[in-house]
Amino acid sequence: MDFVAITSCPAGLAHTPMAAKALEKAAQELGLQVKVEQQGAMGLKNEITVEEAKSAKFLLIGSDQKIEKMDRFEGIPAVRVDINMCIKKPKAVIDKVSKAVAARVK
């Protein structure tokens, strides 16, 4: 898995799934493997397992909300971005976060 992502907005009914779909489509176009979890009023949708989290190079969080079950991602580089950027410019977000994580790891 190249990366995992979580999207979440206050209600979790509009921006959350829009951002998830945008990130999934952008990752596919970039040739990357991703799993995107949605958190909101509906609970956790497409929940990321501990195994999936551990296999990822980083966690991208598209949210300014509190994220549930963060202990799954212990030891994995995590970057938080504005959910609207995930919707508007998902490829740019993925590219920027990938480069930031790579620079941190070196």
PDB file of N, CA and C in Angstrom:
ATOM      1  N   MET A   1       0.864  -1.180   0.000  1.00  0.00           N
ATOM      2  CA  MET A   1       0.000   0.000   0.000  1.00  0.00           C
ATOM      3  C   MET A   1       0.906   1.238   0.000  1.00  0.00           C
ATOM      4  N   ASP A   2       0.652   2.150  -0.930  1.00  0.00           N
ATOM      5  CA  ASP A   2       1.468   3.357  -0.978  1.00  0.00           C
ATOM      6  C   ASP A   2       1.126   4.308   0.168  1.00  0.00           C
ATOM      7  N   PHE A   3      -0.173   4.517   0.394  1.00  0.00           N
ATOM      8  CA  PHE A   3      -0.576   5.333   1.531  1.00  0.00           C
ATOM      9  C   PHE A   3      -2.011   5.046   1.909  1.00  0.00           C
ATOM     10  N   VAL A   4      -2.360   5.460   3.121  1.00  0.00           N
ATOM     11  CA  VAL A   4      -3.740   5.381   3.585  1.00  0.00           C
ATOM     12  C   VAL A   4      -4.179   6.811   3.878  1.00  0.00           C
ATOM     13  N   ALA A   5      -5.490   7.023   3.845  1.00  0.00           N
ATOM     14  CA  ALA A   5      -6.001   8.370   4.070  1.00  0.00           C
ATOM     15  C   ALA A   5      -7.301   8.300   4.858  1.00  0.00           C
ATOM     16  N   ILE A   6      -7.567   9.375   5.583  1.00  0.00           N
ATOM     17  CA  ILE A   6      -8.827   9.523   6.296  1.00  0.00           C
ATOM     18  C   ILE A   6      -9.402  10.878   5.923  1.00  0.00           C
ATOM     19  N   THR A   7     -10.685  10.875   5.558  1.00  0.00           N
ATOM     20  CA  THR A   7     -11.389  12.128   5.309  1.00  0.00           C
ATOM     21  C   THR A   7     -12.482  12.275   6.346  1.00  0.00           C
ATOM     22  N   SER A   8     -12.681  13.507   6.812  1.00  0.00           N
ATOM     23  CA  SER A   8     -13.701  13.754   7.826  1.00  0.00           C
ATOM     24  C   SER A   8     -14.039  15.237   7.849  1.00  0.00           C
ATOM     25  N   CYS A   9     -15.338  15.538   7.890  1.00  0.00           N
ATOM     26  CA  CYS A   9     -15.810  16.910   8.052  1.00  0.00           C
ATOM     27  C   CYS A   9     -16.836  16.903   9.183  1.00  0.00           C
ATOM     28  N   PRO A  10     -17.310  18.060   9.636  1.00  0.00           N
ATOM     29  CA  PRO A  10     -18.213  18.073  10.790  1.00  0.00           C
ATOM     30  C   PRO A  10     -19.413  17.130  10.679  1.00  0.00           C
ATOM     31  N   ALA A  11     -20.088  17.117   9.550  1.00  0.00           N
ATOM     32  CA  ALA A  11     -21.245  16.234   9.411  1.00  0.00           C
ATOM     33  C   ALA A  11     -20.850  14.888   8.806  1.00  0.00           C
ATOM     34  N   GLY A  12     -19.882  14.907   7.927  1.00  0.00           N
ATOM     35  CA  GLY A  12     -19.434  13.673   7.290  1.00  0.00           C
ATOM     36  C   GLY A  12     -20.359  13.186   6.189  1.00  0.00           C
ATOM     37  N   LEU A  13     -21.208  14.070   5.698  1.00  0.00           N
ATOM     38  CA  LEU A  13     -22.192  13.644   4.699  1.00  0.00           C
ATOM     39  C   LEU A  13     -21.909  14.140   3.292  1.00  0.00           C
ATOM     40  N   ALA A  14     -21.140  15.205   3.135  1.00  0.00           N
ATOM     41  CA  ALA A  14     -20.882  15.746   1.804  1.00  0.00           C
ATOM     42  C   ALA A  14     -19.385  15.789   1.492  1.00  0.00           C
ATOM     43  N   HIS A  15     -18.654  16.641   2.201  1.00  0.00           N
ATOM     44  CA  HIS A  15     -17.237  16.802   1.912  1.00  0.00           C
ATOM     45  C   HIS A  15     -16.443  15.518   2.163  1.00  0.00           C
ATOM     46  N   THR A  16     -16.823  14.774   3.176  1.00  0.00           N
ATOM     47  CA  THR A  16     -16.095  13.535   3.509  1.00  0.00           C
ATOM     48  C   THR A  16     -16.080  12.564   2.340  1.00  0.00           C
ATOM     49  N   PRO A  17     -17.228  12.162   1.777  1.00  0.00           N
ATOM     50  CA  PRO A  17     -17.172  11.239   0.638  1.00  0.00           C
ATOM     51  C   PRO A  17     -16.621  11.877  -0.636  1.00  0.00           C
ATOM     52  N   MET A  18     -16.845  13.172  -0.827  1.00  0.00           N
ATOM     53  CA  MET A  18     -16.296  13.848  -2.013  1.00  0.00           C
ATOM     54  C   MET A  18     -14.769  13.811  -1.980  1.00  0.00           C
ATOM     55  N   ALA A  19     -14.185  14.101  -0.825  1.00  0.00           N
ATOM     56  CA  ALA A  19     -12.728  14.082  -0.688  1.00  0.00           C
ATOM     57  C   ALA A  19     -12.191  12.666  -0.845  1.00  0.00           C
ATOM     58  N   ALA A  20     -12.887  11.690  -0.283  1.00  0.00           N
ATOM     59  CA  ALA A  20     -12.451  10.292  -0.405  1.00  0.00           C
ATOM     60  C   ALA A  20     -12.413   9.868  -1.866  1.00  0.00           C
ATOM     61  N   LYS A  21     -13.465  10.144  -2.601  1.00  0.00           N
ATOM     62  CA  LYS A  21     -13.520   9.772  -4.016  1.00  0.00           C
ATOM     63  C   LYS A  21     -12.447  10.487  -4.827  1.00  0.00           C
ATOM     64  N   ALA A  22     -12.227  11.764  -4.527  1.00  0.00           N
ATOM     65  CA  ALA A  22     -11.201  12.530  -5.247  1.00  0.00           C
ATOM     66  C   ALA A  22      -9.804  11.960  -5.000  1.00  0.00           C
ATOM     67  N   LEU A  23      -9.516  11.602  -3.753  1.00  0.00           N
ATOM     68  CA  LEU A  23      -8.197  11.031  -3.433  1.00  0.00           C
ATOM     69  C   LEU A  23      -8.023   9.655  -4.079  1.00  0.00           C
ATOM     70  N   GLU A  24      -9.058   8.837  -4.057  1.00  0.00           N
ATOM     71  CA  GLU A  24      -8.985   7.508  -4.677  1.00  0.00           C
ATOM     72  C   GLU A  24      -8.745   7.623  -6.180  1.00  0.00           C
ATOM     73  N   LYS A  25      -9.470   8.524  -6.837  1.00  0.00           N
ATOM     74  CA  LYS A  25      -9.321   8.707  -8.286  1.00  0.00           C
ATOM     75  C   LYS A  25      -7.928   9.247  -8.621  1.00  0.00           C
ATOM     76  N   ALA A  26      -7.465  10.231  -7.857  1.00  0.00           N
ATOM     77  CA  ALA A  26      -6.140  10.817  -8.112  1.00  0.00           C
ATOM     78  C   ALA A  26      -5.038   9.783  -7.898  1.00  0.00           C
ATOM     79  N   ALA A  27      -5.147   8.991  -6.843  1.00  0.00           N
ATOM     80  CA  ALA A  27      -4.145   7.961  -6.574  1.00  0.00           C
ATOM     81  C   ALA A  27      -4.101   6.948  -7.724  1.00  0.00           C
ATOM     82  N   GLN A  28      -5.265   6.547  -8.194  1.00  0.00           N
ATOM     83  CA  GLN A  28      -5.328   5.600  -9.310  1.00  0.00           C
ATOM     84  C   GLN A  28      -4.650   6.195 -10.547  1.00  0.00           C
ATOM     85  N   GLU A  29      -4.928   7.456 -10.832  1.00  0.00           N
ATOM     86  CA  GLU A  29      -4.324   8.119 -11.993  1.00  0.00           C
ATOM     87  C   GLU A  29      -2.810   8.260 -11.843  1.00  0.00           C
ATOM     88  N   LEU A  30      -2.342   8.343 -10.597  1.00  0.00           N
ATOM     89  CA  LEU A  30      -0.907   8.454 -10.333  1.00  0.00           C
ATOM     90  C   LEU A  30      -0.242   7.082 -10.210  1.00  0.00           C
ATOM     91  N   GLY A  31      -1.036   6.019 -10.321  1.00  0.00           N
ATOM     92  CA  GLY A  31      -0.500   4.663 -10.229  1.00  0.00           C
ATOM     93  C   GLY A  31      -0.168   4.244  -8.806  1.00  0.00           C
ATOM     94  N   LEU A  32      -0.867   4.805  -7.836  1.00  0.00           N
ATOM     95  CA  LEU A  32      -0.609   4.504  -6.430  1.00  0.00           C
ATOM     96  C   LEU A  32      -1.747   3.692  -5.827  1.00  0.00           C
ATOM     97  N   GLN A  33      -1.397   2.859  -4.850  1.00  0.00           N
ATOM     98  CA  GLN A  33      -2.397   2.100  -4.111  1.00  0.00           C
ATOM     99  C   GLN A  33      -2.764   2.875  -2.861  1.00  0.00           C
ATOM    100  N   VAL A  34      -4.073   3.045  -2.622  1.00  0.00           N
ATOM    101  CA  VAL A  34      -4.535   3.790  -1.458  1.00  0.00           C
ATOM    102  C   VAL A  34      -5.803   3.148  -0.914  1.00  0.00           C
ATOM    103  N   LYS A  35      -5.991   3.320   0.376  1.00  0.00           N
ATOM    104  CA  LYS A  35      -7.271   2.997   0.996  1.00  0.00           C
ATOM    105  C   LYS A  35      -7.693   4.229   1.765  1.00  0.00           C
ATOM    106  N   VAL A  36      -8.919   4.696   1.510  1.00  0.00           N
ATOM    107  CA  VAL A  36      -9.410   5.918   2.150  1.00  0.00           C
ATOM    108  C   VAL A  36     -10.575   5.569   3.070  1.00  0.00           C
ATOM    109  N   GLU A  37     -10.420   5.917   4.320  1.00  0.00           N
ATOM    110  CA  GLU A  37     -11.464   5.735   5.330  1.00  0.00           C
ATOM    111  C   GLU A  37     -12.228   7.040   5.485  1.00  0.00           C
ATOM    112  N   GLN A  38     -13.545   6.933   5.637  1.00  0.00           N
ATOM    113  CA  GLN A  38     -14.383   8.110   5.872  1.00  0.00           C
ATOM    114  C   GLN A  38     -14.895   8.066   7.308  1.00  0.00           C
ATOM    115  N   GLN A  39     -14.790   9.202   7.998  1.00  0.00           N
ATOM    116  CA  GLN A  39     -15.303   9.305   9.358  1.00  0.00           C
ATOM    117  C   GLN A  39     -16.294  10.443   9.426  1.00  0.00           C
ATOM    118  N   GLY A  40     -17.424  10.200  10.076  1.00  0.00           N
ATOM    119  CA  GLY A  40     -18.432  11.249  10.206  1.00  0.00           C
ATOM    120  C   GLY A  40     -19.648  10.740  10.943  1.00  0.00           C
ATOM    121  N   ALA A  41     -20.776  11.360  10.670  1.00  0.00           N
ATOM    122  CA  ALA A  41     -22.021  11.016  11.344  1.00  0.00           C
ATOM    123  C   ALA A  41     -22.398   9.558  11.125  1.00  0.00           C
ATOM    124  N   MET A  42     -21.957   8.978  10.026  1.00  0.00           N
ATOM    125  CA  MET A  42     -22.293   7.600   9.700  1.00  0.00           C
ATOM    126  C   MET A  42     -21.331   6.611  10.350  1.00  0.00           C
ATOM    127  N   GLY A  43     -20.387   7.116  11.149  1.00  0.00           N
ATOM    128  CA  GLY A  43     -19.384   6.252  11.768  1.00  0.00           C
ATOM    129  C   GLY A  43     -18.165   6.138  10.877  1.00  0.00           C
ATOM    130  N   LEU A  44     -17.491   4.992  10.945  1.00  0.00           N
ATOM    131  CA  LEU A  44     -16.312   4.742  10.125  1.00  0.00           C
ATOM    132  C   LEU A  44     -16.721   3.907   8.919  1.00  0.00           C
ATOM    133  N   LYS A  45     -16.430   4.420   7.747  1.00  0.00           N
ATOM    134  CA  LYS A  45     -16.757   3.721   6.498  1.00  0.00           C
ATOM    135  C   LYS A  45     -15.450   3.362   5.805  1.00  0.00           C
ATOM    136  N   ASN A  46     -15.336   2.114   5.350  1.00  0.00           N
ATOM    137  CA  ASN A  46     -14.121   1.643   4.692  1.00  0.00           C
ATOM    138  C   ASN A  46     -12.934   1.699   5.660  1.00  0.00           C
ATOM    139  N   GLU A  47     -13.158   1.190   6.860  1.00  0.00           N
ATOM    140  CA  GLU A  47     -12.172   1.300   7.950  1.00  0.00           C
ATOM    141  C   GLU A  47     -10.834   0.672   7.587  1.00  0.00           C
ATOM    142  N   ILE A  48      -9.769   1.384   7.893  1.00  0.00           N
ATOM    143  CA  ILE A  48      -8.399   0.929   7.645  1.00  0.00           C
ATOM    144  C   ILE A  48      -7.995   0.003   8.792  1.00  0.00           C
ATOM    145  N   THR A  49      -7.508  -1.188   8.445  1.00  0.00           N
ATOM    146  CA  THR A  49      -7.064  -2.137   9.463  1.00  0.00           C
ATOM    147  C   THR A  49      -5.643  -1.784   9.922  1.00  0.00           C
ATOM    148  N   VAL A  50      -5.239  -2.361  11.033  1.00  0.00           N
ATOM    149  CA  VAL A  50      -3.878  -2.154  11.532  1.00  0.00           C
ATOM    150  C   VAL A  50      -2.873  -2.647  10.492  1.00  0.00           C
ATOM    151  N   GLU A  51      -3.153  -3.790   9.877  1.00  0.00           N
ATOM    152  CA  GLU A  51      -2.246  -4.355   8.866  1.00  0.00           C
ATOM    153  C   GLU A  51      -2.106  -3.415   7.670  1.00  0.00           C
ATOM    154  N   GLU A  52      -3.214  -2.857   7.217  1.00  0.00           N
ATOM    155  CA  GLU A  52      -3.164  -1.916   6.091  1.00  0.00           C
ATOM    156  C   GLU A  52      -2.385  -0.662   6.478  1.00  0.00           C
ATOM    157  N   ALA A  53      -2.609  -0.190   7.682  1.00  0.00           N
ATOM    158  CA  ALA A  53      -1.898   1.002   8.159  1.00  0.00           C
ATOM    159  C   ALA A  53      -0.395   0.750   8.201  1.00  0.00           C
ATOM    160  N   LYS A  54       0.004  -0.388   8.731  1.00  0.00           N
ATOM    161  CA  LYS A  54       1.437  -0.705   8.868  1.00  0.00           C
ATOM    162  C   LYS A  54       2.120  -0.885   7.510  1.00  0.00           C
ATOM    163  N   SER A  55       1.354  -1.263   6.482  1.00  0.00           N
ATOM    164  CA  SER A  55       1.952  -1.464   5.159  1.00  0.00           C
ATOM    165  C   SER A  55       2.074  -0.155   4.369  1.00  0.00           C
ATOM    166  N   ALA A  56       1.469   0.916   4.884  1.00  0.00           N
ATOM    167  CA  ALA A  56       1.469   2.201   4.170  1.00  0.00           C
ATOM    168  C   ALA A  56       2.725   3.013   4.473  1.00  0.00           C
ATOM    169  N   LYS A  57       3.113   3.819   3.497  1.00  0.00           N
ATOM    170  CA  LYS A  57       4.272   4.699   3.680  1.00  0.00           C
ATOM    171  C   LYS A  57       3.919   5.921   4.513  1.00  0.00           C
ATOM    172  N   PHE A  58       2.639   6.345   4.448  1.00  0.00           N
ATOM    173  CA  PHE A  58       2.197   7.493   5.234  1.00  0.00           C
ATOM    174  C   PHE A  58       0.683   7.531   5.340  1.00  0.00           C
ATOM    175  N   LEU A  59       0.229   8.361   6.265  1.00  0.00           N
ATOM    176  CA  LEU A  59      -1.195   8.613   6.472  1.00  0.00           C
ATOM    177  C   LEU A  59      -1.488  10.047   6.077  1.00  0.00           C
ATOM    178  N   LEU A  60      -2.428  10.242   5.172  1.00  0.00           N
ATOM    179  CA  LEU A  60      -2.880  11.570   4.774  1.00  0.00           C
ATOM    180  C   LEU A  60      -4.244  11.785   5.447  1.00  0.00           C
ATOM    181  N   ILE A  61      -4.349  12.847   6.240  1.00  0.00           N
ATOM    182  CA  ILE A  61      -5.606  13.164   6.920  1.00  0.00           C
ATOM    183  C   ILE A  61      -6.185  14.412   6.282  1.00  0.00           C
ATOM    184  N   GLY A  62      -7.322  14.267   5.630  1.00  0.00           N
ATOM    185  CA  GLY A  62      -8.031  15.396   5.034  1.00  0.00           C
ATOM    186  C   GLY A  62      -9.123  15.831   5.987  1.00  0.00           C
ATOM    187  N   SER A  63      -8.758  16.638   6.985  1.00  0.00           N
ATOM    188  CA  SER A  63      -9.721  17.007   8.013  1.00  0.00           C
ATOM    189  C   SER A  63      -9.104  17.963   9.026  1.00  0.00           C
ATOM    190  N   ASP A  64      -9.987  18.727   9.700  1.00  0.00           N
ATOM    191  CA  ASP A  64      -9.555  19.474  10.881  1.00  0.00           C
ATOM    192  C   ASP A  64     -10.316  18.958  12.105  1.00  0.00           C
ATOM    193  N   GLN A  65     -10.966  17.800  11.937  1.00  0.00           N
ATOM    194  CA  GLN A  65     -11.737  17.169  13.009  1.00  0.00           C
ATOM    195  C   GLN A  65     -10.856  16.197  13.791  1.00  0.00           C
ATOM    196  N   LYS A  66     -11.330  15.820  14.977  1.00  0.00           N
ATOM    197  CA  LYS A  66     -10.653  14.791  15.756  1.00  0.00           C
ATOM    198  C   LYS A  66     -10.863  13.463  15.031  1.00  0.00           C
ATOM    199  N   ILE A  67      -9.787  12.712  14.852  1.00  0.00           N
ATOM    200  CA  ILE A  67      -9.842  11.439  14.149  1.00  0.00           C
ATOM    201  C   ILE A  67      -9.905  10.303  15.167  1.00  0.00           C
ATOM    202  N   GLU A  68     -10.830   9.376  14.938  1.00  0.00           N
ATOM    203  CA  GLU A  68     -10.992   8.236  15.827  1.00  0.00           C
ATOM    204  C   GLU A  68      -9.950   7.156  15.543  1.00  0.00           C
ATOM    205  N   LYS A  69      -9.590   6.420  16.589  1.00  0.00           N
ATOM    206  CA  LYS A  69      -8.713   5.249  16.497  1.00  0.00           C
ATOM    207  C   LYS A  69      -7.342   5.570  15.888  1.00  0.00           C
ATOM    208  N   MET A  70      -6.751   6.673  16.294  1.00  0.00           N
ATOM    209  CA  MET A  70      -5.448   7.060  15.751  1.00  0.00           C
ATOM    210  C   MET A  70      -4.321   6.114  16.169  1.00  0.00           C
ATOM    211  N   ASP A  71      -4.543   5.321  17.215  1.00  0.00           N
ATOM    212  CA  ASP A  71      -3.503   4.400  17.672  1.00  0.00           C
ATOM    213  C   ASP A  71      -3.112   3.386  16.594  1.00  0.00           C
ATOM    214  N   ARG A  72      -3.973   3.145  15.612  1.00  0.00           N
ATOM    215  CA  ARG A  72      -3.662   2.225  14.500  1.00  0.00           C
ATOM    216  C   ARG A  72      -2.474   2.710  13.684  1.00  0.00           C
ATOM    217  N   PHE A  73      -2.209   4.004  13.740  1.00  0.00           N
ATOM    218  CA  PHE A  73      -1.215   4.619  12.861  1.00  0.00           C
ATOM    219  C   PHE A  73       0.082   4.993  13.585  1.00  0.00           C
ATOM    220  N   GLU A  74       0.263   4.452  14.777  1.00  0.00           N
ATOM    221  CA  GLU A  74       1.467   4.755  15.554  1.00  0.00           C
ATOM    222  C   GLU A  74       2.716   4.363  14.765  1.00  0.00           C
ATOM    223  N   GLY A  75       3.658   5.295  14.676  1.00  0.00           N
ATOM    224  CA  GLY A  75       4.904   5.047  13.973  1.00  0.00           C
ATOM    225  C   GLY A  75       4.861   5.323  12.481  1.00  0.00           C
ATOM    226  N   ILE A  76       3.704   5.700  11.972  1.00  0.00           N
ATOM    227  CA  ILE A  76       3.559   5.996  10.545  1.00  0.00           C
ATOM    228  C   ILE A  76       3.542   7.516  10.369  1.00  0.00           C
ATOM    229  N   PRO A  77       4.334   8.068   9.448  1.00  0.00           N
ATOM    230  CA  PRO A  77       4.280   9.513   9.227  1.00  0.00           C
ATOM    231  C   PRO A  77       2.862   9.934   8.831  1.00  0.00           C
ATOM    232  N   ALA A  78       2.372  10.991   9.472  1.00  0.00           N
ATOM    233  CA  ALA A  78       1.019  11.486   9.193  1.00  0.00           C
ATOM    234  C   ALA A  78       1.078  12.966   8.857  1.00  0.00           C
ATOM    235  N   VAL A  79       0.312  13.356   7.845  1.00  0.00           N
ATOM    236  CA  VAL A  79       0.226  14.755   7.442  1.00  0.00           C
ATOM    237  C   VAL A  79      -1.252  15.120   7.349  1.00  0.00           C
ATOM    238  N   ARG A  80      -1.597  16.235   7.973  1.00  0.00           N
ATOM    239  CA  ARG A  80      -2.980  16.719   7.974  1.00  0.00           C
ATOM    240  C   ARG A  80      -3.093  17.870   6.988  1.00  0.00           C
ATOM    241  N   VAL A  81      -4.124  17.799   6.135  1.00  0.00           N
ATOM    242  CA  VAL A  81      -4.375  18.858   5.149  1.00  0.00           C
ATOM    243  C   VAL A  81      -5.848  19.253   5.204  1.00  0.00           C
ATOM    244  N   ASP A  82      -6.157  20.389   4.645  1.00  0.00           N
ATOM    245  CA  ASP A  82      -7.541  20.858   4.585  1.00  0.00           C
ATOM    246  C   ASP A  82      -8.348  19.953   3.663  1.00  0.00           C
ATOM    247  N   ILE A  83      -9.513  19.549   4.106  1.00  0.00           N
ATOM    248  CA  ILE A  83     -10.351  18.638   3.318  1.00  0.00           C
ATOM    249  C   ILE A  83     -10.724  19.240   1.961  1.00  0.00           C
ATOM    250  N   ASN A  84     -10.887  20.545   1.903  1.00  0.00           N
ATOM    251  CA  ASN A  84     -11.239  21.191   0.634  1.00  0.00           C
ATOM    252  C   ASN A  84     -10.135  21.050  -0.407  1.00  0.00           C
ATOM    253  N   MET A  85      -8.881  21.037   0.037  1.00  0.00           N
ATOM    254  CA  MET A  85      -7.773  20.839  -0.900  1.00  0.00           C
ATOM    255  C   MET A  85      -7.789  19.424  -1.466  1.00  0.00           C
ATOM    256  N   CYS A  86      -8.240  18.459  -0.659  1.00  0.00           N
ATOM    257  CA  CYS A  86      -8.350  17.079  -1.150  1.00  0.00           C
ATOM    258  C   CYS A  86      -9.390  16.983  -2.254  1.00  0.00           C
ATOM    259  N   ILE A  87     -10.406  17.823  -2.198  1.00  0.00           N
ATOM    260  CA  ILE A  87     -11.459  17.818  -3.207  1.00  0.00           C
ATOM    261  C   ILE A  87     -11.011  18.585  -4.456  1.00  0.00           C
ATOM    262  N   LYS A  88     -10.421  19.765  -4.245  1.00  0.00           N
ATOM    263  CA  LYS A  88     -10.079  20.643  -5.357  1.00  0.00           C
ATOM    264  C   LYS A  88      -8.817  20.237  -6.111  1.00  0.00           C
ATOM    265  N   LYS A  89      -7.781  19.792  -5.384  1.00  0.00           N
ATOM    266  CA  LYS A  89      -6.490  19.489  -6.005  1.00  0.00           C
ATOM    267  C   LYS A  89      -5.891  18.208  -5.412  1.00  0.00           C
ATOM    268  N   PRO A  90      -6.580  17.086  -5.559  1.00  0.00           N
ATOM    269  CA  PRO A  90      -6.114  15.863  -4.910  1.00  0.00           C
ATOM    270  C   PRO A  90      -4.740  15.381  -5.381  1.00  0.00           C
ATOM    271  N   LYS A  91      -4.445  15.498  -6.672  1.00  0.00           N
ATOM    272  CA  LYS A  91      -3.132  15.067  -7.158  1.00  0.00           C
ATOM    273  C   LYS A  91      -2.025  15.904  -6.540  1.00  0.00           C
ATOM    274  N   ALA A  92      -2.234  17.207  -6.472  1.00  0.00           N
ATOM    275  CA  ALA A  92      -1.236  18.104  -5.879  1.00  0.00           C
ATOM    276  C   ALA A  92      -1.041  17.785  -4.397  1.00  0.00           C
ATOM    277  N   VAL A  93      -2.122  17.490  -3.703  1.00  0.00           N
ATOM    278  CA  VAL A  93      -2.037  17.145  -2.276  1.00  0.00           C
ATOM    279  C   VAL A  93      -1.214  15.871  -2.096  1.00  0.00           C
ATOM    280  N   ILE A  94      -1.548  14.845  -2.865  1.00  0.00           N
ATOM    281  CA  ILE A  94      -0.821  13.577  -2.752  1.00  0.00           C
ATOM    282  C   ILE A  94       0.653  13.769  -3.059  1.00  0.00           C
ATOM    283  N   ASP A  95       0.958  14.509  -4.121  1.00  0.00           N
ATOM    284  CA  ASP A  95       2.349  14.763  -4.508  1.00  0.00           C
ATOM    285  C   ASP A  95       3.096  15.516  -3.410  1.00  0.00           C
ATOM    286  N   LYS A  96       2.483  16.573  -2.890  1.00  0.00           N
ATOM    287  CA  LYS A  96       3.136  17.389  -1.863  1.00  0.00           C
ATOM    288  C   LYS A  96       3.371  16.586  -0.580  1.00  0.00           C
ATOM    289  N   VAL A  97       2.370  15.822  -0.157  1.00  0.00           N
ATOM    290  CA  VAL A  97       2.507  15.019   1.063  1.00  0.00           C
ATOM    291  C   VAL A  97       3.562  13.928   0.863  1.00  0.00           C
ATOM    292  N   SER A  98       3.557  13.273  -0.302  1.00  0.00           N
ATOM    293  CA  SER A  98       4.565  12.241  -0.590  1.00  0.00           C
ATOM    294  C   SER A  98       5.977  12.808  -0.480  1.00  0.00           C
ATOM    295  N   LYS A  99       6.176  13.976  -1.064  1.00  0.00           N
ATOM    296  CA  LYS A  99       7.502  14.609  -1.026  1.00  0.00           C
ATOM    297  C   LYS A  99       7.880  15.046   0.389  1.00  0.00           C
ATOM    298  N   ALA A 100       6.919  15.565   1.141  1.00  0.00           N
ATOM    299  CA  ALA A 100       7.192  15.991   2.516  1.00  0.00           C
ATOM    300  C   ALA A 100       7.582  14.798   3.392  1.00  0.00           C
ATOM    301  N   VAL A 101       6.890  13.698   3.226  1.00  0.00           N
ATOM    302  CA  VAL A 101       7.194  12.495   4.006  1.00  0.00           C
ATOM    303  C   VAL A 101       8.551  11.934   3.607  1.00  0.00           C
ATOM    304  N   ALA A 102       8.843  11.900   2.322  1.00  0.00           N
ATOM    305  CA  ALA A 102      10.127  11.392   1.842  1.00  0.00           C
ATOM    306  C   ALA A 102      11.278  12.238   2.387  1.00  0.00           C
ATOM    307  N   ALA A 103      11.077  13.548   2.448  1.00  0.00           N
ATOM    308  CA  ALA A 103      12.114  14.443   2.966  1.00  0.00           C
ATOM    309  C   ALA A 103      12.333  14.216   4.467  1.00  0.00           C
ATOM    310  N   ARG A 104      11.254  13.922   5.203  1.00  0.00           N
ATOM    311  CA  ARG A 104      11.350  13.655   6.645  1.00  0.00           C
ATOM    312  C   ARG A 104      12.085  12.366   6.941  1.00  0.00           C
ATOM    313  N   VAL A 105      11.877  11.367   6.085  1.00  0.00           N
ATOM    314  CA  VAL A 105      12.436  10.041   6.314  1.00  0.00           C
ATOM    315  C   VAL A 105      13.935  10.014   6.063  1.00  0.00           C
ATOM    316  N   LYS A 106      14.424  10.858   5.171  1.00  0.00           N
ATOM    317  CA  LYS A 106      15.851  10.873   4.814  1.00  0.00           C
ATOM    318  C   LYS A 106      16.715  11.322   5.951  1.00  0.00           C
TER     319      LYS A 106
END
